């Protein structure tokens, strides 16, 4: 499964209306979101390999075949 890398934003320092400190805080949160997304994708991939990712679509109640979550996440 694709691993995501946090993007760098070197030009956001010195913006008017938002402090550099606040920007740094937001960028740290963003990096955590990227890390957590990668961890969840790793767990999902393991579940798919072990046949434990079967279930139903919470929106429709339709049966979701094994492997379809990967298609949804990667497209």
N, C-alpha and C. Protein backbone atom coordinates (compact mmCIF):
# COMPACT_ATOMS: atom_id res chain seq x y z
N UNK A 1 0.84 -1.17 0.00
CA UNK A 1 0.00 0.00 0.00
C UNK A 1 0.89 1.24 0.00
N UNK A 2 0.43 2.27 -0.61
CA UNK A 2 1.20 3.51 -0.71
C UNK A 2 1.45 4.11 0.68
N UNK A 3 2.70 4.55 0.92
CA UNK A 3 3.03 5.27 2.15
C UNK A 3 3.08 6.75 1.81
N UNK A 4 2.50 7.54 2.66
CA UNK A 4 2.48 8.97 2.47
C UNK A 4 3.63 9.63 3.22
N UNK A 5 4.17 10.68 2.67
CA UNK A 5 5.20 11.48 3.31
C UNK A 5 4.65 12.88 3.52
N UNK A 6 4.89 13.46 4.69
CA UNK A 6 4.40 14.83 4.90
C UNK A 6 5.09 15.81 3.95
N UNK A 7 4.33 16.69 3.38
CA UNK A 7 4.89 17.71 2.50
C UNK A 7 5.54 18.79 3.36
N UNK A 8 6.50 19.46 2.78
CA UNK A 8 7.18 20.55 3.45
C UNK A 8 6.59 21.87 2.95
N UNK A 9 6.49 22.83 3.83
CA UNK A 9 5.92 24.13 3.50
C UNK A 9 6.88 25.24 3.93
N UNK A 10 8.01 25.38 3.24
CA UNK A 10 9.02 26.34 3.67
C UNK A 10 8.61 27.80 3.49
N UNK A 11 7.63 28.07 2.66
CA UNK A 11 7.27 29.46 2.36
C UNK A 11 6.15 30.02 3.24
N UNK A 12 5.69 29.26 4.23
CA UNK A 12 4.56 29.74 5.02
C UNK A 12 4.98 30.61 6.20
N UNK A 13 6.26 30.71 6.47
CA UNK A 13 6.70 31.56 7.58
C UNK A 13 6.52 33.03 7.22
N UNK A 14 6.18 33.80 8.24
CA UNK A 14 6.06 35.24 8.04
C UNK A 14 4.76 35.70 7.41
N UNK A 15 3.74 34.87 7.44
CA UNK A 15 2.44 35.28 6.89
C UNK A 15 1.77 36.27 7.83
N UNK A 16 1.01 37.18 7.28
CA UNK A 16 0.25 38.09 8.13
C UNK A 16 -1.04 37.42 8.56
N UNK A 17 -1.42 37.65 9.81
CA UNK A 17 -2.67 37.11 10.31
C UNK A 17 -2.53 35.79 11.06
N UNK A 18 -1.38 35.16 10.98
CA UNK A 18 -1.16 33.90 11.71
C UNK A 18 0.33 33.85 12.11
N UNK A 19 0.57 33.53 13.35
CA UNK A 19 1.95 33.54 13.84
C UNK A 19 2.72 32.31 13.36
N UNK A 20 4.04 32.46 13.30
CA UNK A 20 4.88 31.33 12.92
C UNK A 20 4.73 30.17 13.91
N UNK A 21 4.54 30.51 15.18
CA UNK A 21 4.36 29.49 16.21
C UNK A 21 3.09 28.67 15.96
N UNK A 22 2.01 29.36 15.63
CA UNK A 22 0.75 28.67 15.35
C UNK A 22 0.88 27.81 14.08
N UNK A 23 1.55 28.33 13.08
CA UNK A 23 1.78 27.54 11.86
C UNK A 23 2.56 26.27 12.18
N UNK A 24 3.60 26.38 13.00
CA UNK A 24 4.38 25.22 13.39
C UNK A 24 3.52 24.19 14.11
N UNK A 25 2.64 24.67 14.99
CA UNK A 25 1.73 23.75 15.69
C UNK A 25 0.85 23.00 14.71
N UNK A 26 0.32 23.71 13.73
CA UNK A 26 -0.56 23.07 12.74
C UNK A 26 0.23 22.07 11.87
N UNK A 27 1.44 22.43 11.52
CA UNK A 27 2.26 21.51 10.71
C UNK A 27 2.63 20.25 11.48
N UNK A 28 2.84 20.38 12.78
CA UNK A 28 3.11 19.19 13.61
C UNK A 28 1.88 18.29 13.66
N UNK A 29 0.70 18.90 13.77
CA UNK A 29 -0.53 18.10 13.75
C UNK A 29 -0.67 17.38 12.41
N UNK A 30 -0.42 18.10 11.32
CA UNK A 30 -0.49 17.52 9.98
C UNK A 30 0.45 16.32 9.86
N UNK A 31 1.69 16.46 10.36
CA UNK A 31 2.63 15.35 10.30
C UNK A 31 2.12 14.15 11.08
N UNK A 32 1.45 14.40 12.20
CA UNK A 32 0.85 13.31 12.97
C UNK A 32 -0.27 12.63 12.21
N UNK A 33 -1.06 13.42 11.47
CA UNK A 33 -2.14 12.83 10.66
C UNK A 33 -1.57 11.93 9.57
N UNK A 34 -0.48 12.36 8.95
CA UNK A 34 0.15 11.55 7.91
C UNK A 34 0.67 10.25 8.52
N UNK A 35 1.33 10.35 9.67
CA UNK A 35 1.86 9.16 10.35
C UNK A 35 0.72 8.20 10.70
N UNK A 36 -0.36 8.73 11.27
CA UNK A 36 -1.50 7.88 11.65
C UNK A 36 -2.16 7.23 10.44
N UNK A 37 -2.24 7.96 9.33
CA UNK A 37 -2.81 7.40 8.11
C UNK A 37 -1.98 6.22 7.64
N UNK A 38 -0.66 6.37 7.67
CA UNK A 38 0.22 5.27 7.28
C UNK A 38 0.05 4.07 8.20
N UNK A 39 -0.07 4.31 9.50
CA UNK A 39 -0.26 3.21 10.45
C UNK A 39 -1.59 2.50 10.21
N UNK A 40 -2.65 3.26 9.97
CA UNK A 40 -3.95 2.65 9.70
C UNK A 40 -3.93 1.85 8.40
N UNK A 41 -3.26 2.37 7.38
CA UNK A 41 -3.15 1.64 6.12
C UNK A 41 -2.40 0.32 6.31
N UNK A 42 -1.37 0.34 7.14
CA UNK A 42 -0.61 -0.88 7.43
C UNK A 42 -1.51 -1.90 8.13
N UNK A 43 -2.29 -1.44 9.10
CA UNK A 43 -3.21 -2.34 9.81
C UNK A 43 -4.28 -2.88 8.87
N UNK A 44 -4.81 -2.03 8.00
CA UNK A 44 -5.83 -2.48 7.05
C UNK A 44 -5.26 -3.51 6.09
N UNK A 45 -4.05 -3.27 5.63
CA UNK A 45 -3.42 -4.23 4.73
C UNK A 45 -3.26 -5.58 5.40
N UNK A 46 -2.86 -5.60 6.67
CA UNK A 46 -2.72 -6.86 7.41
C UNK A 46 -4.08 -7.54 7.56
N UNK A 47 -5.11 -6.76 7.84
CA UNK A 47 -6.45 -7.34 7.98
C UNK A 47 -6.91 -7.95 6.66
N UNK A 48 -6.63 -7.27 5.56
CA UNK A 48 -7.02 -7.81 4.25
C UNK A 48 -6.29 -9.12 3.96
N UNK A 49 -5.00 -9.17 4.27
CA UNK A 49 -4.23 -10.39 4.03
C UNK A 49 -4.73 -11.56 4.87
N UNK A 50 -5.23 -11.26 6.07
CA UNK A 50 -5.72 -12.29 6.97
C UNK A 50 -7.21 -12.58 6.81
N UNK A 51 -7.84 -11.92 5.84
CA UNK A 51 -9.26 -12.14 5.59
C UNK A 51 -10.16 -11.58 6.66
N UNK A 52 -9.70 -10.59 7.41
CA UNK A 52 -10.48 -10.03 8.50
C UNK A 52 -11.09 -8.67 8.16
N UNK A 53 -11.08 -8.29 6.90
CA UNK A 53 -11.60 -6.98 6.51
C UNK A 53 -12.97 -7.08 5.85
N UNK A 54 -13.67 -8.17 6.10
CA UNK A 54 -15.01 -8.32 5.54
C UNK A 54 -15.99 -7.54 6.38
N UNK A 55 -17.08 -7.12 5.78
CA UNK A 55 -18.08 -6.40 6.53
C UNK A 55 -19.13 -5.81 5.63
N UNK A 56 -19.82 -4.81 6.14
CA UNK A 56 -20.84 -4.14 5.36
C UNK A 56 -20.53 -2.65 5.29
N UNK A 57 -21.00 -2.04 4.24
CA UNK A 57 -20.86 -0.60 4.06
C UNK A 57 -21.81 0.07 5.04
N UNK A 58 -21.29 0.92 5.95
CA UNK A 58 -22.16 1.53 6.95
C UNK A 58 -23.21 2.46 6.34
N UNK A 59 -22.95 2.98 5.16
CA UNK A 59 -23.91 3.90 4.53
C UNK A 59 -25.07 3.17 3.88
N UNK A 60 -24.77 2.01 3.28
CA UNK A 60 -25.81 1.31 2.51
C UNK A 60 -26.22 -0.02 3.10
N UNK A 61 -25.37 -0.61 3.94
CA UNK A 61 -25.65 -1.93 4.49
C UNK A 61 -25.28 -3.05 3.54
N UNK A 62 -24.76 -2.69 2.36
CA UNK A 62 -24.37 -3.70 1.37
C UNK A 62 -23.12 -4.42 1.83
N UNK A 63 -23.03 -5.70 1.46
CA UNK A 63 -21.84 -6.49 1.78
C UNK A 63 -20.65 -5.93 1.01
N UNK A 64 -19.53 -5.77 1.71
CA UNK A 64 -18.30 -5.27 1.10
C UNK A 64 -17.37 -6.46 0.93
N UNK A 65 -17.03 -6.81 -0.32
CA UNK A 65 -16.15 -7.95 -0.53
C UNK A 65 -14.73 -7.67 -0.05
N UNK A 66 -14.02 -8.71 0.36
CA UNK A 66 -12.63 -8.59 0.78
C UNK A 66 -11.83 -7.97 -0.35
N UNK A 67 -11.00 -6.99 0.00
CA UNK A 67 -10.14 -6.34 -0.99
C UNK A 67 -10.69 -5.04 -1.51
N UNK A 68 -11.98 -4.80 -1.33
CA UNK A 68 -12.55 -3.57 -1.89
C UNK A 68 -12.08 -2.34 -1.14
N UNK A 69 -11.75 -2.46 0.13
CA UNK A 69 -11.28 -1.31 0.90
C UNK A 69 -9.97 -0.79 0.32
N UNK A 70 -9.13 -1.67 -0.16
CA UNK A 70 -7.88 -1.23 -0.75
C UNK A 70 -8.17 -0.42 -2.00
N UNK A 71 -9.11 -0.88 -2.79
CA UNK A 71 -9.47 -0.15 -3.99
C UNK A 71 -9.98 1.25 -3.64
N UNK A 72 -10.80 1.35 -2.64
CA UNK A 72 -11.35 2.64 -2.24
C UNK A 72 -10.25 3.55 -1.72
N UNK A 73 -9.35 3.03 -0.89
CA UNK A 73 -8.31 3.86 -0.30
C UNK A 73 -7.24 4.29 -1.28
N UNK A 74 -7.01 3.53 -2.32
CA UNK A 74 -5.92 3.85 -3.23
C UNK A 74 -6.38 4.54 -4.50
N UNK A 75 -7.67 4.80 -4.64
CA UNK A 75 -8.14 5.46 -5.88
C UNK A 75 -8.85 6.73 -5.56
